[in-house]
N, C-alpha and C. Protein backbone atom coordinates (compact mmCIF):
# COMPACT_ATOMS: atom_id res chain seq x y z
N UNK A 1 -32.48 8.18 -23.32
CA UNK A 1 -33.22 7.82 -24.52
C UNK A 1 -33.45 9.09 -25.34
N UNK A 2 -33.13 9.05 -26.60
CA UNK A 2 -33.28 10.20 -27.49
C UNK A 2 -34.73 10.35 -27.92
N UNK A 3 -35.15 11.59 -28.11
CA UNK A 3 -36.50 11.88 -28.58
C UNK A 3 -36.54 11.66 -30.08
N UNK A 4 -37.52 10.92 -30.53
CA UNK A 4 -37.70 10.66 -31.95
C UNK A 4 -38.90 11.46 -32.43
N UNK A 5 -38.66 12.57 -33.16
CA UNK A 5 -39.79 13.39 -33.63
C UNK A 5 -40.74 12.58 -34.50
N UNK A 6 -42.01 12.87 -34.36
CA UNK A 6 -43.01 12.19 -35.18
C UNK A 6 -43.97 13.21 -35.75
N UNK A 7 -44.88 12.74 -36.57
CA UNK A 7 -45.89 13.62 -37.15
C UNK A 7 -46.80 14.17 -36.07
N UNK A 8 -46.93 13.49 -34.95
CA UNK A 8 -47.85 13.89 -33.89
C UNK A 8 -47.29 14.96 -32.97
N UNK A 9 -46.02 15.34 -33.13
CA UNK A 9 -45.43 16.33 -32.22
C UNK A 9 -46.22 17.63 -32.20
N UNK A 10 -46.67 18.11 -33.34
CA UNK A 10 -47.40 19.37 -33.39
C UNK A 10 -48.73 19.26 -32.66
N UNK A 11 -49.40 18.10 -32.77
CA UNK A 11 -50.68 17.95 -32.12
C UNK A 11 -50.53 17.71 -30.62
N UNK A 12 -49.33 17.40 -30.16
CA UNK A 12 -49.10 17.21 -28.73
C UNK A 12 -48.87 18.55 -28.03
N UNK A 13 -48.64 19.59 -28.78
CA UNK A 13 -48.43 20.92 -28.22
C UNK A 13 -49.75 21.40 -27.63
N UNK A 14 -49.68 22.07 -26.51
CA UNK A 14 -50.88 22.60 -25.87
C UNK A 14 -50.95 24.10 -26.08
N UNK A 15 -52.12 24.56 -26.51
CA UNK A 15 -52.31 25.96 -26.86
C UNK A 15 -52.90 26.76 -25.71
N UNK A 16 -52.34 27.93 -25.42
CA UNK A 16 -52.94 28.82 -24.43
C UNK A 16 -54.18 29.49 -25.00
N UNK A 17 -54.97 30.09 -24.14
CA UNK A 17 -56.21 30.75 -24.56
C UNK A 17 -55.98 31.77 -25.67
N UNK A 18 -54.89 32.53 -25.59
CA UNK A 18 -54.65 33.55 -26.62
C UNK A 18 -54.53 32.94 -28.01
N UNK A 19 -53.89 31.78 -28.11
CA UNK A 19 -53.76 31.12 -29.42
C UNK A 19 -55.08 30.50 -29.85
N UNK A 20 -55.85 30.00 -28.89
CA UNK A 20 -57.18 29.46 -29.21
C UNK A 20 -58.06 30.59 -29.75
N UNK A 21 -58.02 31.74 -29.08
CA UNK A 21 -58.80 32.89 -29.55
C UNK A 21 -58.40 33.27 -30.96
N UNK A 22 -57.12 33.32 -31.24
CA UNK A 22 -56.65 33.67 -32.58
C UNK A 22 -57.10 32.64 -33.61
N UNK A 23 -57.04 31.37 -33.26
CA UNK A 23 -57.44 30.30 -34.18
C UNK A 23 -58.93 30.35 -34.48
N UNK A 24 -59.71 30.92 -33.56
CA UNK A 24 -61.16 31.00 -33.75
C UNK A 24 -61.62 32.35 -34.27
N UNK A 25 -60.70 33.21 -34.59
CA UNK A 25 -61.07 34.49 -35.16
C UNK A 25 -61.27 35.59 -34.14
N UNK A 26 -60.76 35.41 -32.93
CA UNK A 26 -60.78 36.49 -31.96
C UNK A 26 -61.93 36.49 -30.99
N UNK A 27 -62.64 35.38 -30.83
CA UNK A 27 -63.71 35.35 -29.84
C UNK A 27 -63.18 35.70 -28.46
N UNK A 28 -63.97 36.40 -27.68
CA UNK A 28 -63.58 36.82 -26.34
C UNK A 28 -63.54 35.61 -25.41
N UNK A 29 -62.69 35.67 -24.41
CA UNK A 29 -62.55 34.57 -23.46
C UNK A 29 -63.88 34.23 -22.78
N UNK A 30 -64.71 35.23 -22.51
CA UNK A 30 -66.00 34.99 -21.88
C UNK A 30 -66.88 34.12 -22.77
N UNK A 31 -66.84 34.36 -24.07
CA UNK A 31 -67.61 33.56 -25.02
C UNK A 31 -67.13 32.12 -25.01
N UNK A 32 -65.82 31.93 -25.07
CA UNK A 32 -65.25 30.58 -25.09
C UNK A 32 -65.59 29.82 -23.81
N UNK A 33 -65.43 30.47 -22.66
CA UNK A 33 -65.75 29.79 -21.40
C UNK A 33 -67.25 29.55 -21.26
N UNK A 34 -68.07 30.40 -21.85
CA UNK A 34 -69.51 30.16 -21.88
C UNK A 34 -69.84 28.91 -22.69
N UNK A 35 -69.17 28.76 -23.84
CA UNK A 35 -69.35 27.55 -24.65
C UNK A 35 -68.94 26.31 -23.88
N UNK A 36 -67.84 26.40 -23.13
CA UNK A 36 -67.38 25.26 -22.33
C UNK A 36 -68.45 24.88 -21.31
N UNK A 37 -68.97 25.88 -20.62
CA UNK A 37 -69.98 25.65 -19.60
C UNK A 37 -71.22 24.96 -20.18
N UNK A 38 -71.57 25.33 -21.42
CA UNK A 38 -72.74 24.74 -22.09
C UNK A 38 -72.42 23.42 -22.80
N UNK A 39 -71.15 22.98 -22.75
CA UNK A 39 -70.76 21.74 -23.40
C UNK A 39 -70.58 21.86 -24.90
N UNK A 40 -70.44 23.08 -25.41
CA UNK A 40 -70.31 23.30 -26.85
C UNK A 40 -68.86 23.45 -27.31
N UNK A 41 -67.93 23.48 -26.37
CA UNK A 41 -66.51 23.67 -26.68
C UNK A 41 -65.71 22.73 -25.78
N UNK A 42 -64.61 22.18 -26.29
CA UNK A 42 -63.83 21.25 -25.47
C UNK A 42 -63.31 21.89 -24.19
N UNK A 43 -63.42 21.16 -23.10
CA UNK A 43 -62.89 21.63 -21.83
C UNK A 43 -61.37 21.68 -21.91
N UNK A 44 -60.78 22.64 -21.22
CA UNK A 44 -59.32 22.76 -21.27
C UNK A 44 -58.64 21.70 -20.42
N UNK A 45 -57.37 21.51 -20.72
CA UNK A 45 -56.49 20.74 -19.87
C UNK A 45 -55.89 21.74 -18.90
N UNK A 46 -56.07 21.51 -17.62
CA UNK A 46 -55.57 22.44 -16.61
C UNK A 46 -54.15 22.06 -16.23
N UNK A 47 -53.26 23.04 -16.29
CA UNK A 47 -51.88 22.87 -15.86
C UNK A 47 -51.61 24.00 -14.88
N UNK A 48 -51.54 23.66 -13.61
CA UNK A 48 -51.43 24.71 -12.60
C UNK A 48 -52.69 25.55 -12.67
N UNK A 49 -52.53 26.84 -12.81
CA UNK A 49 -53.67 27.73 -12.95
C UNK A 49 -53.98 28.08 -14.39
N UNK A 50 -53.33 27.42 -15.31
CA UNK A 50 -53.49 27.74 -16.73
C UNK A 50 -54.39 26.73 -17.44
N UNK A 51 -55.10 27.21 -18.44
CA UNK A 51 -55.91 26.35 -19.31
C UNK A 51 -55.22 26.20 -20.64
N UNK A 52 -55.19 24.98 -21.15
CA UNK A 52 -54.56 24.69 -22.44
C UNK A 52 -55.46 23.73 -23.22
N UNK A 53 -55.36 23.82 -24.55
CA UNK A 53 -56.12 22.95 -25.44
C UNK A 53 -55.18 22.31 -26.45
N UNK A 54 -55.56 21.15 -26.95
CA UNK A 54 -54.76 20.53 -28.01
C UNK A 54 -55.20 21.13 -29.35
N UNK A 55 -54.27 21.22 -30.28
CA UNK A 55 -54.66 21.67 -31.63
C UNK A 55 -55.74 20.78 -32.24
N UNK A 56 -55.68 19.47 -31.95
CA UNK A 56 -56.70 18.56 -32.48
C UNK A 56 -58.09 18.91 -31.97
N UNK A 57 -58.21 19.28 -30.68
CA UNK A 57 -59.51 19.68 -30.13
C UNK A 57 -60.05 20.92 -30.84
N UNK A 58 -59.17 21.87 -31.10
CA UNK A 58 -59.60 23.12 -31.75
C UNK A 58 -60.01 22.84 -33.19
N UNK A 59 -59.24 22.04 -33.90
CA UNK A 59 -59.58 21.71 -35.29
C UNK A 59 -60.88 20.93 -35.36
N UNK A 60 -61.11 20.01 -34.42
CA UNK A 60 -62.36 19.24 -34.40
C UNK A 60 -63.55 20.16 -34.14
N UNK A 61 -63.39 21.13 -33.23
CA UNK A 61 -64.44 22.09 -32.96
C UNK A 61 -64.78 22.89 -34.22
N UNK A 62 -63.74 23.38 -34.89
CA UNK A 62 -63.96 24.17 -36.10
C UNK A 62 -64.63 23.33 -37.19
N UNK A 63 -64.21 22.09 -37.35
CA UNK A 63 -64.81 21.22 -38.36
C UNK A 63 -66.28 20.96 -38.05
N UNK A 64 -66.59 20.74 -36.77
CA UNK A 64 -67.98 20.51 -36.38
C UNK A 64 -68.83 21.73 -36.68
N UNK A 65 -68.32 22.91 -36.36
CA UNK A 65 -69.06 24.15 -36.63
C UNK A 65 -69.29 24.34 -38.12
N UNK A 66 -68.27 24.03 -38.93
CA UNK A 66 -68.42 24.16 -40.39
C UNK A 66 -69.47 23.19 -40.91
N UNK A 67 -69.48 21.97 -40.39
CA UNK A 67 -70.50 20.99 -40.81
C UNK A 67 -71.89 21.45 -40.41
N UNK A 68 -72.02 22.02 -39.21
CA UNK A 68 -73.32 22.55 -38.79
C UNK A 68 -73.77 23.67 -39.71
N UNK A 69 -72.83 24.51 -40.08
CA UNK A 69 -73.15 25.64 -40.97
C UNK A 69 -73.62 25.14 -42.34
N UNK A 70 -72.95 24.13 -42.85
CA UNK A 70 -73.32 23.58 -44.17
C UNK A 70 -74.72 22.99 -44.16
N UNK A 71 -75.15 22.48 -43.03
CA UNK A 71 -76.48 21.90 -42.95
C UNK A 71 -77.57 22.95 -43.08
N UNK A 72 -77.24 24.19 -42.78
CA UNK A 72 -78.22 25.27 -42.84
C UNK A 72 -78.25 25.97 -44.19
N UNK A 73 -77.30 25.64 -45.05
CA UNK A 73 -77.27 26.32 -46.36
C UNK A 73 -77.85 25.46 -47.44
């Protein structure tokens, strides 16, 4: 069966921590894992010993933070 590319292909890609850090402006891994522990950041998808996130999870996190920021201004 042939693969039929769709609009969702990019969102199906899983991002390693280094790309998540870059997408968030360089936060340290300790900060990100602290947020996860407190329930403030999406938990990773574990693959073997690696943690991965979906682009949709990262974008949703950023959007939520921006909305929270707007409420304070």
